[in-house]
Amino acid sequence: MYQTTLQMNFISKFDQAIAEIKKDFGKNYPMIIGGKEIFSNNQFQVHSPADKNLVLANFPLASKEDTLHAIETAKEAFHKWSLTPYQKRSQIFREVADVFAQNKFNLAAILSFENGKNRLEAMGDLDESIDFMRFYADQLDLNQGFSKETQSANQNEKTRSTLKPYGVWGIISPFNFPSAISIGMTSGALITGNTAILKPSS
């Protein structure tokens, strides 16, 4: 079968990414609450759907106390984050999107093992994640942080339409698009000045 240089380059980079991520199979990962890593002995294993004997990673099972701690931490962070200028928030999301773009082969390889998607589907999932972050950043800037002066009925008054951050959002994302949907939902909440607690599908 004839393959283009572009296809061969894609295959080569994906193969390299697989070799790299395999080094971390079976590793223990923490919960992250308020920027702090929290490990637990109460864990569950993630197996590859293609090979049930292959342990990809071990993750902590969050307790009720962990969940309440996450909610309180998100509440505490809300005031400062909601007052962050929208230009700064959009800049942060563009920078994160760039980090994803730089590492998307490794991320797509992880997704392929964890979710069972083929290479193109896994890469599409990652590309959509990157697009979400950049799109939301563009929309935030385009709409001036969703705070605009509006036409008033009286020349002696000024009116403004302002959408304000709501608070803490809880996000439980599904398994079928583990990167795109979780990042799309979380980005929409965070970039508009809310804080969020993300619980991906087990």
N, C-alpha and C. Protein backbone atom coordinates (compact mmCIF):
# COMPACT_ATOMS: atom_id res chain seq x y z
N MET A 1 0.85 -1.19 0.00
CA MET A 1 0.00 0.00 0.00
C MET A 1 0.89 1.25 0.00
N TYR A 2 0.60 2.18 -0.88
CA TYR A 2 1.39 3.40 -1.00
C TYR A 2 1.09 4.34 0.16
N GLN A 3 2.16 4.83 0.79
CA GLN A 3 2.01 5.78 1.87
C GLN A 3 2.75 7.07 1.54
N THR A 4 2.12 8.19 1.83
CA THR A 4 2.76 9.48 1.59
C THR A 4 3.78 9.75 2.68
N THR A 5 4.64 10.73 2.42
CA THR A 5 5.63 11.14 3.42
C THR A 5 4.95 11.62 4.69
N LEU A 6 3.82 12.31 4.53
CA LEU A 6 3.06 12.81 5.68
C LEU A 6 2.54 11.66 6.54
N GLN A 7 2.01 10.61 5.89
CA GLN A 7 1.51 9.45 6.62
C GLN A 7 2.64 8.73 7.35
N MET A 8 3.77 8.57 6.67
CA MET A 8 4.91 7.89 7.28
C MET A 8 5.45 8.68 8.47
N ASN A 9 5.43 10.01 8.34
CA ASN A 9 5.88 10.86 9.43
C ASN A 9 4.95 10.73 10.64
N PHE A 10 3.64 10.67 10.36
CA PHE A 10 2.65 10.49 11.43
C PHE A 10 2.87 9.17 12.15
N ILE A 11 3.04 8.10 11.38
CA ILE A 11 3.25 6.76 11.96
C ILE A 11 4.52 6.72 12.79
N SER A 12 5.58 7.33 12.28
CA SER A 12 6.86 7.34 12.99
C SER A 12 6.74 8.08 14.32
N LYS A 13 6.10 9.25 14.31
CA LYS A 13 5.95 10.03 15.53
C LYS A 13 5.06 9.32 16.54
N PHE A 14 4.01 8.66 16.05
CA PHE A 14 3.11 7.94 16.96
C PHE A 14 3.84 6.74 17.57
N ASP A 15 4.65 6.03 16.77
CA ASP A 15 5.43 4.91 17.28
C ASP A 15 6.40 5.37 18.36
N GLN A 16 7.03 6.51 18.14
CA GLN A 16 7.95 7.06 19.14
C GLN A 16 7.21 7.41 20.43
N ALA A 17 6.02 7.97 20.27
CA ALA A 17 5.21 8.33 21.44
C ALA A 17 4.81 7.09 22.24
N ILE A 18 4.45 6.02 21.55
CA ILE A 18 4.08 4.77 22.23
C ILE A 18 5.25 4.23 23.04
N ALA A 19 6.43 4.24 22.44
CA ALA A 19 7.62 3.77 23.15
C ALA A 19 7.88 4.60 24.40
N GLU A 20 7.61 5.91 24.30
CA GLU A 20 7.85 6.82 25.43
C GLU A 20 6.84 6.61 26.56
N ILE A 21 5.57 6.51 26.22
CA ILE A 21 4.55 6.42 27.27
C ILE A 21 4.54 5.06 27.95
N LYS A 22 5.01 4.03 27.27
CA LYS A 22 5.05 2.70 27.87
C LYS A 22 5.93 2.65 29.12
N LYS A 23 6.89 3.57 29.20
CA LYS A 23 7.78 3.63 30.36
C LYS A 23 7.03 3.95 31.64
N ASP A 24 5.87 4.59 31.51
CA ASP A 24 5.10 5.01 32.68
C ASP A 24 3.92 4.10 32.99
N PHE A 25 3.76 3.01 32.25
CA PHE A 25 2.66 2.09 32.53
C PHE A 25 2.77 1.55 33.96
N GLY A 26 1.64 1.49 34.65
CA GLY A 26 1.60 0.97 36.01
C GLY A 26 1.92 2.00 37.08
N LYS A 27 2.14 3.23 36.68
CA LYS A 27 2.51 4.29 37.61
C LYS A 27 1.32 4.71 38.48
N ASN A 28 1.61 5.18 39.69
CA ASN A 28 0.58 5.73 40.58
C ASN A 28 0.42 7.23 40.32
N TYR A 29 -0.83 7.66 40.19
CA TYR A 29 -1.10 9.08 39.96
C TYR A 29 -1.93 9.65 41.10
N PRO A 30 -1.78 10.93 41.38
CA PRO A 30 -2.53 11.55 42.48
C PRO A 30 -3.79 12.25 42.00
N MET A 31 -4.65 12.60 42.96
CA MET A 31 -5.65 13.63 42.73
C MET A 31 -4.91 14.96 42.82
N ILE A 32 -5.43 15.96 42.16
CA ILE A 32 -4.85 17.30 42.28
C ILE A 32 -5.95 18.24 42.77
N ILE A 33 -5.75 18.77 43.96
CA ILE A 33 -6.73 19.66 44.57
C ILE A 33 -6.01 20.95 44.96
N GLY A 34 -6.44 22.04 44.38
CA GLY A 34 -5.80 23.32 44.69
C GLY A 34 -4.33 23.35 44.32
N GLY A 35 -3.97 22.62 43.26
CA GLY A 35 -2.58 22.60 42.80
C GLY A 35 -1.69 21.65 43.58
N LYS A 36 -2.24 20.93 44.56
CA LYS A 36 -1.45 20.00 45.37
C LYS A 36 -1.77 18.56 45.00
N GLU A 37 -0.72 17.75 44.91
CA GLU A 37 -0.90 16.33 44.59
C GLU A 37 -1.26 15.56 45.86
N ILE A 38 -2.32 14.77 45.78
CA ILE A 38 -2.78 13.99 46.93
C ILE A 38 -2.84 12.53 46.52
N PHE A 39 -1.97 11.73 47.11
CA PHE A 39 -1.93 10.29 46.85
C PHE A 39 -2.78 9.56 47.89
N SER A 40 -3.21 8.37 47.53
CA SER A 40 -4.02 7.57 48.44
C SER A 40 -3.71 6.09 48.22
N ASN A 41 -3.81 5.32 49.31
CA ASN A 41 -3.64 3.87 49.20
C ASN A 41 -4.91 3.20 48.66
N ASN A 42 -6.01 3.93 48.71
CA ASN A 42 -7.28 3.42 48.19
C ASN A 42 -7.34 3.76 46.70
N GLN A 43 -7.00 2.78 45.86
CA GLN A 43 -6.83 3.05 44.43
C GLN A 43 -7.67 2.13 43.56
N PHE A 44 -7.79 2.51 42.30
CA PHE A 44 -8.34 1.60 41.29
C PHE A 44 -7.39 1.57 40.11
N GLN A 45 -7.39 0.46 39.40
CA GLN A 45 -6.50 0.29 38.25
C GLN A 45 -7.22 0.57 36.95
N VAL A 46 -6.49 1.14 36.01
CA VAL A 46 -7.01 1.35 34.66
C VAL A 46 -6.31 0.36 33.74
N HIS A 47 -7.11 -0.48 33.09
CA HIS A 47 -6.58 -1.50 32.18
C HIS A 47 -6.87 -1.09 30.74
N SER A 48 -6.05 -1.54 29.84
CA SER A 48 -6.31 -1.31 28.42
C SER A 48 -7.48 -2.17 27.97
N PRO A 49 -8.44 -1.60 27.24
CA PRO A 49 -9.56 -2.41 26.75
C PRO A 49 -9.11 -3.44 25.71
N ALA A 50 -7.94 -3.20 25.10
CA ALA A 50 -7.43 -4.15 24.10
C ALA A 50 -6.70 -5.32 24.74
N ASP A 51 -6.19 -5.10 25.97
CA ASP A 51 -5.46 -6.15 26.70
C ASP A 51 -5.71 -5.93 28.18
N LYS A 52 -6.68 -6.69 28.72
CA LYS A 52 -7.10 -6.50 30.11
C LYS A 52 -5.99 -6.77 31.12
N ASN A 53 -4.94 -7.47 30.69
CA ASN A 53 -3.81 -7.74 31.59
C ASN A 53 -2.84 -6.57 31.68
N LEU A 54 -3.02 -5.60 30.82
CA LEU A 54 -2.11 -4.46 30.78
C LEU A 54 -2.64 -3.36 31.70
N VAL A 55 -1.90 -3.12 32.80
CA VAL A 55 -2.27 -2.07 33.75
C VAL A 55 -1.62 -0.77 33.30
N LEU A 56 -2.44 0.19 32.94
CA LEU A 56 -1.92 1.45 32.43
C LEU A 56 -1.53 2.40 33.56
N ALA A 57 -2.35 2.42 34.61
CA ALA A 57 -2.09 3.36 35.71
C ALA A 57 -2.95 3.00 36.91
N ASN A 58 -2.57 3.56 38.06
CA ASN A 58 -3.33 3.42 39.29
C ASN A 58 -3.76 4.82 39.75
N PHE A 59 -5.05 4.97 40.00
CA PHE A 59 -5.58 6.27 40.41
C PHE A 59 -6.27 6.17 41.76
N PRO A 60 -6.23 7.25 42.55
CA PRO A 60 -6.89 7.23 43.86
C PRO A 60 -8.41 7.32 43.74
N LEU A 61 -9.08 6.62 44.63
CA LEU A 61 -10.53 6.75 44.74
C LEU A 61 -10.81 7.88 45.72
N ALA A 62 -11.41 8.93 45.24
CA ALA A 62 -11.68 10.08 46.11
C ALA A 62 -12.74 9.73 47.14
N SER A 63 -12.50 10.14 48.37
CA SER A 63 -13.46 9.93 49.45
C SER A 63 -14.42 11.12 49.52
N LYS A 64 -15.41 11.00 50.37
CA LYS A 64 -16.33 12.13 50.59
C LYS A 64 -15.55 13.33 51.09
N GLU A 65 -14.59 13.08 51.98
CA GLU A 65 -13.78 14.17 52.54
C GLU A 65 -12.95 14.85 51.45
N ASP A 66 -12.39 14.04 50.54
CA ASP A 66 -11.62 14.61 49.42
C ASP A 66 -12.50 15.52 48.56
N THR A 67 -13.72 15.08 48.32
CA THR A 67 -14.65 15.84 47.49
C THR A 67 -15.02 17.16 48.15
N LEU A 68 -15.31 17.11 49.44
CA LEU A 68 -15.64 18.34 50.16
C LEU A 68 -14.45 19.29 50.20
N HIS A 69 -13.26 18.72 50.35
CA HIS A 69 -12.03 19.53 50.35
C HIS A 69 -11.86 20.22 48.99
N ALA A 70 -12.14 19.49 47.92
CA ALA A 70 -12.03 20.06 46.57
C ALA A 70 -13.03 21.20 46.38
N ILE A 71 -14.24 21.02 46.87
CA ILE A 71 -15.27 22.06 46.75
C ILE A 71 -14.86 23.31 47.51
N GLU A 72 -14.39 23.14 48.74
CA GLU A 72 -13.98 24.29 49.55
C GLU A 72 -12.78 25.01 48.93
N THR A 73 -11.85 24.23 48.39
CA THR A 73 -10.68 24.83 47.74
C THR A 73 -11.09 25.63 46.51
N ALA A 74 -12.03 25.10 45.74
CA ALA A 74 -12.52 25.80 44.55
C ALA A 74 -13.27 27.08 44.94
N LYS A 75 -14.00 27.02 46.04
CA LYS A 75 -14.69 28.22 46.53
C LYS A 75 -13.69 29.30 46.93
N GLU A 76 -12.62 28.88 47.60
CA GLU A 76 -11.60 29.84 48.04
C GLU A 76 -10.88 30.48 46.85
N ALA A 77 -10.67 29.70 45.80
CA ALA A 77 -9.95 30.21 44.63
C ALA A 77 -10.83 31.08 43.74
N PHE A 78 -12.15 30.94 43.91
CA PHE A 78 -13.08 31.61 42.99
C PHE A 78 -12.91 33.13 42.97
N HIS A 79 -12.81 33.75 44.14
CA HIS A 79 -12.78 35.22 44.20
C HIS A 79 -11.60 35.78 43.39
N LYS A 80 -10.42 35.26 43.63
CA LYS A 80 -9.24 35.77 42.93
C LYS A 80 -9.32 35.49 41.43
N TRP A 81 -9.72 34.26 41.07
CA TRP A 81 -9.77 33.88 39.66
C TRP A 81 -10.85 34.67 38.91
N SER A 82 -11.99 34.89 39.55
CA SER A 82 -13.08 35.62 38.88
C SER A 82 -12.72 37.08 38.62
N LEU A 83 -11.80 37.62 39.40
CA LEU A 83 -11.36 39.00 39.23
C LEU A 83 -10.15 39.12 38.30
N THR A 84 -9.62 37.98 37.85
CA THR A 84 -8.51 38.01 36.90
C THR A 84 -9.00 38.59 35.58
N PRO A 85 -8.31 39.57 35.02
CA PRO A 85 -8.76 40.16 33.75
C PRO A 85 -8.97 39.10 32.67
N TYR A 86 -10.00 39.27 31.88
CA TYR A 86 -10.32 38.26 30.87
C TYR A 86 -9.18 38.07 29.88
N GLN A 87 -8.40 39.14 29.62
CA GLN A 87 -7.27 39.01 28.70
C GLN A 87 -6.23 38.03 29.24
N LYS A 88 -6.03 38.05 30.55
CA LYS A 88 -5.08 37.13 31.19
C LYS A 88 -5.60 35.70 31.12
N ARG A 89 -6.90 35.52 31.34
CA ARG A 89 -7.49 34.18 31.28
C ARG A 89 -7.38 33.60 29.87
N SER A 90 -7.67 34.40 28.86
CA SER A 90 -7.57 33.89 27.49
C SER A 90 -6.12 33.58 27.12
N GLN A 91 -5.18 34.39 27.63
CA GLN A 91 -3.76 34.13 27.39
C GLN A 91 -3.33 32.80 27.98
N ILE A 92 -3.78 32.51 29.20
CA ILE A 92 -3.45 31.25 29.87
C ILE A 92 -3.94 30.07 29.05
N PHE A 93 -5.16 30.17 28.53
CA PHE A 93 -5.72 29.05 27.77
C PHE A 93 -5.01 28.84 26.44
N ARG A 94 -4.57 29.93 25.83
CA ARG A 94 -3.79 29.78 24.61
C ARG A 94 -2.45 29.10 24.90
N GLU A 95 -1.85 29.45 26.02
CA GLU A 95 -0.57 28.84 26.40
C GLU A 95 -0.75 27.35 26.69
N VAL A 96 -1.83 26.99 27.36
CA VAL A 96 -2.11 25.58 27.65
C VAL A 96 -2.37 24.82 26.35
N ALA A 97 -3.10 25.44 25.44
CA ALA A 97 -3.36 24.82 24.13
C ALA A 97 -2.04 24.56 23.40
N ASP A 98 -1.09 25.48 23.51
CA ASP A 98 0.22 25.30 22.88
C ASP A 98 0.98 24.13 23.50
N VAL A 99 0.87 23.98 24.81
CA VAL A 99 1.53 22.84 25.49
C VAL A 99 0.93 21.52 25.02
N PHE A 100 -0.40 21.49 24.88
CA PHE A 100 -1.06 20.29 24.36
C PHE A 100 -0.60 19.99 22.94
N ALA A 101 -0.50 21.05 22.12
CA ALA A 101 -0.08 20.86 20.73
C ALA A 101 1.34 20.30 20.65
N GLN A 102 2.21 20.76 21.54
CA GLN A 102 3.60 20.28 21.55
C GLN A 102 3.70 18.82 21.99
N ASN A 103 2.73 18.36 22.78
CA ASN A 103 2.79 17.01 23.35
C ASN A 103 1.66 16.11 22.84
N LYS A 104 1.03 16.48 21.72
CA LYS A 104 -0.20 15.78 21.36
C LYS A 104 0.03 14.34 20.91
N PHE A 105 1.19 14.00 20.39
CA PHE A 105 1.41 12.61 20.01
C PHE A 105 1.45 11.72 21.26
N ASN A 106 2.15 12.16 22.30
CA ASN A 106 2.19 11.39 23.54
C ASN A 106 0.80 11.31 24.17
N LEU A 107 0.09 12.42 24.19
CA LEU A 107 -1.25 12.43 24.77
C LEU A 107 -2.21 11.54 23.98
N ALA A 108 -2.11 11.58 22.66
CA ALA A 108 -2.97 10.75 21.82
C ALA A 108 -2.64 9.27 22.00
N ALA A 109 -1.36 8.95 22.17
CA ALA A 109 -0.95 7.56 22.39
C ALA A 109 -1.52 7.04 23.71
N ILE A 110 -1.47 7.86 24.75
CA ILE A 110 -2.06 7.47 26.04
C ILE A 110 -3.55 7.21 25.87
N LEU A 111 -4.22 8.13 25.18
CA LEU A 111 -5.66 8.03 24.97
C LEU A 111 -6.01 6.76 24.19
N SER A 112 -5.19 6.42 23.22
CA SER A 112 -5.45 5.23 22.41
C SER A 112 -5.39 3.96 23.25
N PHE A 113 -4.40 3.87 24.12
CA PHE A 113 -4.28 2.71 25.01
C PHE A 113 -5.41 2.68 26.03
N GLU A 114 -5.75 3.86 26.58
CA GLU A 114 -6.72 3.91 27.67
C GLU A 114 -8.15 3.75 27.19
N ASN A 115 -8.44 4.30 26.00
CA ASN A 115 -9.81 4.34 25.51
C ASN A 115 -10.09 3.31 24.42
N GLY A 116 -9.04 2.89 23.71
CA GLY A 116 -9.22 1.93 22.64
C GLY A 116 -9.43 2.56 21.27
N LYS A 117 -9.28 3.88 21.19
CA LYS A 117 -9.44 4.53 19.88
C LYS A 117 -8.24 4.23 19.00
N ASN A 118 -8.49 4.20 17.68
CA ASN A 118 -7.34 4.03 16.80
C ASN A 118 -6.55 5.35 16.76
N ARG A 119 -5.44 5.33 16.06
CA ARG A 119 -4.54 6.48 16.10
C ARG A 119 -5.18 7.77 15.60
N LEU A 120 -5.89 7.69 14.50
CA LEU A 120 -6.49 8.88 13.93
C LEU A 120 -7.60 9.44 14.83
N GLU A 121 -8.39 8.54 15.41
CA GLU A 121 -9.45 8.98 16.31
C GLU A 121 -8.87 9.61 17.57
N ALA A 122 -7.81 9.01 18.09
CA ALA A 122 -7.16 9.57 19.29
C ALA A 122 -6.59 10.95 19.00
N MET A 123 -5.95 11.08 17.85
CA MET A 123 -5.39 12.38 17.47
C MET A 123 -6.50 13.40 17.25
N GLY A 124 -7.61 12.97 16.68
CA GLY A 124 -8.74 13.87 16.49
C GLY A 124 -9.30 14.37 17.81
N ASP A 125 -9.34 13.48 18.81
CA ASP A 125 -9.80 13.85 20.14
C ASP A 125 -8.91 14.95 20.72
N LEU A 126 -7.59 14.79 20.56
CA LEU A 126 -6.64 15.78 21.08
C LEU A 126 -6.74 17.09 20.31
N ASP A 127 -6.85 17.00 18.99
CA ASP A 127 -6.97 18.22 18.19
C ASP A 127 -8.21 19.01 18.57
N GLU A 128 -9.29 18.30 18.86
CA GLU A 128 -10.53 18.97 19.26
C GLU A 128 -10.35 19.65 20.62
N SER A 129 -9.60 19.02 21.52
CA SER A 129 -9.31 19.64 22.82
C SER A 129 -8.59 20.96 22.64
N ILE A 130 -7.58 20.96 21.78
CA ILE A 130 -6.80 22.16 21.50
C ILE A 130 -7.69 23.23 20.87
N ASP A 131 -8.54 22.81 19.93
CA ASP A 131 -9.45 23.75 19.27
C ASP A 131 -10.41 24.39 20.26
N PHE A 132 -10.93 23.61 21.21
CA PHE A 132 -11.84 24.15 22.22
C PHE A 132 -11.16 25.29 22.99
N MET A 133 -9.96 25.04 23.47
CA MET A 133 -9.27 26.05 24.28
C MET A 133 -9.00 27.32 23.48
N ARG A 134 -8.57 27.17 22.25
CA ARG A 134 -8.28 28.34 21.43
C ARG A 134 -9.56 29.06 21.01
N PHE A 135 -10.61 28.29 20.72
CA PHE A 135 -11.89 28.90 20.32
C PHE A 135 -12.48 29.72 21.46
N TYR A 136 -12.49 29.14 22.68
CA TYR A 136 -13.04 29.87 23.82
C TYR A 136 -12.23 31.12 24.12
N ALA A 137 -10.90 31.04 23.98
CA ALA A 137 -10.05 32.21 24.19
C ALA A 137 -10.39 33.29 23.17
N ASP A 138 -10.56 32.89 21.92
CA ASP A 138 -10.92 33.85 20.86
C ASP A 138 -12.27 34.50 21.14
N GLN A 139 -13.25 33.68 21.56
CA GLN A 139 -14.59 34.21 21.83
C GLN A 139 -14.58 35.18 23.02
N LEU A 140 -13.77 34.87 24.02
CA LEU A 140 -13.68 35.75 25.19
C LEU A 140 -13.12 37.11 24.79
N ASP A 141 -12.07 37.11 23.96
CA ASP A 141 -11.48 38.36 23.50
C ASP A 141 -12.42 39.10 22.55
N LEU A 142 -13.02 38.36 21.63
CA LEU A 142 -13.91 38.96 20.64
C LEU A 142 -15.08 39.67 21.30
N ASN A 143 -15.56 39.10 22.41
CA ASN A 143 -16.72 39.66 23.12
C ASN A 143 -16.32 40.49 24.33
N GLN A 144 -15.03 40.88 24.37
CA GLN A 144 -14.53 41.78 25.42
C GLN A 144 -14.89 41.29 26.83
N GLY A 145 -14.67 39.99 27.03
CA GLY A 145 -14.98 39.41 28.34
C GLY A 145 -16.45 39.34 28.64
N PHE A 146 -17.27 39.46 27.58
CA PHE A 146 -18.74 39.44 27.71
C PHE A 146 -19.25 40.56 28.62
N SER A 147 -18.59 41.72 28.50
CA SER A 147 -19.06 42.93 29.17
C SER A 147 -19.01 44.06 28.14
N LYS A 148 -20.17 44.49 27.68
CA LYS A 148 -20.24 45.47 26.59
C LYS A 148 -21.24 46.57 26.90
N GLU A 149 -20.90 47.75 26.43
CA GLU A 149 -21.88 48.83 26.49
C GLU A 149 -22.98 48.54 25.47
N THR A 150 -24.20 48.83 25.85
CA THR A 150 -25.34 48.59 24.95
C THR A 150 -26.05 49.90 24.66
N GLN A 151 -26.84 49.89 23.61
CA GLN A 151 -27.56 51.10 23.21
C GLN A 151 -28.64 51.41 24.24
N SER A 152 -28.67 52.63 24.69
CA SER A 152 -29.65 53.02 25.71
C SER A 152 -30.79 53.82 25.08
N ALA A 153 -31.90 53.84 25.76
CA ALA A 153 -33.09 54.54 25.26
C ALA A 153 -32.98 56.04 25.50
N ASN A 154 -32.16 56.44 26.44
CA ASN A 154 -32.03 57.85 26.81
C ASN A 154 -30.57 58.27 26.67
N GLN A 155 -30.34 59.42 26.06
CA GLN A 155 -28.97 59.86 25.83
C GLN A 155 -28.24 60.23 27.12
N ASN A 156 -28.97 60.40 28.20
CA ASN A 156 -28.37 60.76 29.49
C ASN A 156 -28.01 59.55 30.35
N GLU A 157 -28.23 58.37 29.83
CA GLU A 157 -27.89 57.17 30.60
C GLU A 157 -26.96 56.27 29.80
N LYS A 158 -26.21 55.48 30.53
CA LYS A 158 -25.34 54.50 29.90
C LYS A 158 -25.76 53.11 30.40
N THR A 159 -25.84 52.20 29.47
CA THR A 159 -26.21 50.83 29.85
C THR A 159 -25.13 49.85 29.40
N ARG A 160 -25.01 48.77 30.13
CA ARG A 160 -23.97 47.77 29.86
C ARG A 160 -24.52 46.38 30.14
N SER A 161 -24.19 45.45 29.26
CA SER A 161 -24.55 44.04 29.46
C SER A 161 -23.30 43.31 29.95
N THR A 162 -23.40 42.70 31.13
CA THR A 162 -22.24 42.03 31.73
C THR A 162 -22.62 40.64 32.20
N LEU A 163 -21.91 39.65 31.69
CA LEU A 163 -22.08 38.28 32.19
C LEU A 163 -21.03 38.04 33.26
N LYS A 164 -21.46 37.67 34.44
CA LYS A 164 -20.54 37.50 35.57
C LYS A 164 -20.33 36.02 35.88
N PRO A 165 -19.14 35.68 36.39
CA PRO A 165 -18.88 34.30 36.81
C PRO A 165 -19.87 33.87 37.88
N TYR A 166 -20.21 32.60 37.84
CA TYR A 166 -21.26 32.06 38.71
C TYR A 166 -20.70 31.51 40.02
N GLY A 167 -19.59 30.76 39.93
CA GLY A 167 -19.05 30.11 41.14
C GLY A 167 -18.31 28.83 40.80
N VAL A 168 -18.56 27.79 41.59
CA VAL A 168 -17.89 26.50 41.42
C VAL A 168 -18.74 25.59 40.54
N TRP A 169 -18.12 24.99 39.53
CA TRP A 169 -18.81 24.06 38.65
C TRP A 169 -18.26 22.64 38.88
N GLY A 170 -19.17 21.68 38.97
CA GLY A 170 -18.79 20.28 39.06
C GLY A 170 -18.97 19.63 37.70
N ILE A 171 -17.92 18.98 37.22
CA ILE A 171 -17.94 18.42 35.87
C ILE A 171 -17.62 16.92 35.93
N ILE A 172 -18.54 16.10 35.44
CA ILE A 172 -18.32 14.66 35.33
C ILE A 172 -18.36 14.34 33.84
N SER A 173 -17.20 14.08 33.28
CA SER A 173 -17.12 13.90 31.82
C SER A 173 -17.26 12.43 31.43
N PRO A 174 -17.77 12.16 30.24
CA PRO A 174 -17.98 10.78 29.79
C PRO A 174 -16.72 10.14 29.24
N PHE A 175 -16.81 8.87 28.91
CA PHE A 175 -15.64 8.09 28.50
C PHE A 175 -15.35 8.18 27.01
N ASN A 176 -16.35 8.55 26.20
CA ASN A 176 -16.19 8.36 24.75
C ASN A 176 -15.26 9.38 24.09
N PHE A 177 -15.19 10.58 24.65
CA PHE A 177 -14.21 11.58 24.21
C PHE A 177 -13.49 12.09 25.46
N PRO A 178 -12.61 11.29 26.02
CA PRO A 178 -12.04 11.58 27.34
C PRO A 178 -11.25 12.88 27.41
N SER A 179 -10.68 13.30 26.30
CA SER A 179 -9.95 14.57 26.31
C SER A 179 -10.85 15.72 25.87
N ALA A 180 -11.44 15.61 24.70
CA ALA A 180 -12.18 16.73 24.11
C ALA A 180 -13.36 17.19 24.97
N ILE A 181 -14.18 16.25 25.44
CA ILE A 181 -15.36 16.66 26.19
C ILE A 181 -14.99 17.19 27.57
N SER A 182 -14.07 16.52 28.25
CA SER A 182 -13.69 16.99 29.59
C SER A 182 -13.04 18.37 29.51
N ILE A 183 -12.19 18.57 28.52
CA ILE A 183 -11.52 19.86 28.38
C ILE A 183 -12.50 20.92 27.86
N GLY A 184 -13.36 20.55 26.94
CA GLY A 184 -14.35 21.51 26.45
C GLY A 184 -15.25 22.01 27.57
N MET A 185 -15.77 21.10 28.38
CA MET A 185 -16.66 21.48 29.48
C MET A 185 -15.93 22.30 30.54
N THR A 186 -14.73 21.86 30.89
CA THR A 186 -13.98 22.54 31.94
C THR A 186 -13.49 23.91 31.47
N SER A 187 -13.04 23.99 30.21
CA SER A 187 -12.56 25.26 29.68
C SER A 187 -13.66 26.31 29.65
N GLY A 188 -14.87 25.90 29.25
CA GLY A 188 -15.98 26.84 29.20
C GLY A 188 -16.26 27.46 30.55
N ALA A 189 -16.15 26.65 31.61
CA ALA A 189 -16.38 27.17 32.97
C ALA A 189 -15.21 28.04 33.43
N LEU A 190 -14.00 27.55 33.27
CA LEU A 190 -12.83 28.26 33.81
C LEU A 190 -12.54 29.57 33.11
N ILE A 191 -12.59 29.57 31.80
CA ILE A 191 -12.16 30.76 31.05
C ILE A 191 -13.10 31.94 31.28
N THR A 192 -14.33 31.66 31.69
CA THR A 192 -15.29 32.73 31.98
C THR A 192 -15.26 33.15 33.45
N GLY A 193 -14.23 32.69 34.19
CA GLY A 193 -14.01 33.18 35.55
C GLY A 193 -14.56 32.32 36.66
N ASN A 194 -15.11 31.17 36.32
CA ASN A 194 -15.58 30.23 37.34
C ASN A 194 -14.43 29.33 37.77
N THR A 195 -14.60 28.60 38.84
CA THR A 195 -13.68 27.52 39.19
C THR A 195 -14.40 26.19 38.95
N ALA A 196 -13.63 25.11 38.88
CA ALA A 196 -14.24 23.84 38.48
C ALA A 196 -13.60 22.66 39.20
N ILE A 197 -14.39 21.63 39.39
CA ILE A 197 -13.92 20.34 39.89
C ILE A 197 -14.22 19.31 38.80
N LEU A 198 -13.17 18.71 38.29
CA LEU A 198 -13.31 17.74 37.20
C LEU A 198 -13.15 16.32 37.73
N LYS A 199 -14.16 15.50 37.44
CA LYS A 199 -14.10 14.08 37.77
C LYS A 199 -14.28 13.31 36.46
N PRO A 200 -13.17 12.89 35.84
CA PRO A 200 -13.29 12.15 34.58
C PRO A 200 -13.93 10.78 34.79
N SER A 201 -14.43 10.21 33.73
CA SER A 201 -14.98 8.87 33.79
C SER A 201 -13.92 7.89 34.27
N SER A 202 -14.33 6.97 35.14
CA SER A 202 -13.37 5.95 35.62
C SER A 202 -13.02 4.97 34.52
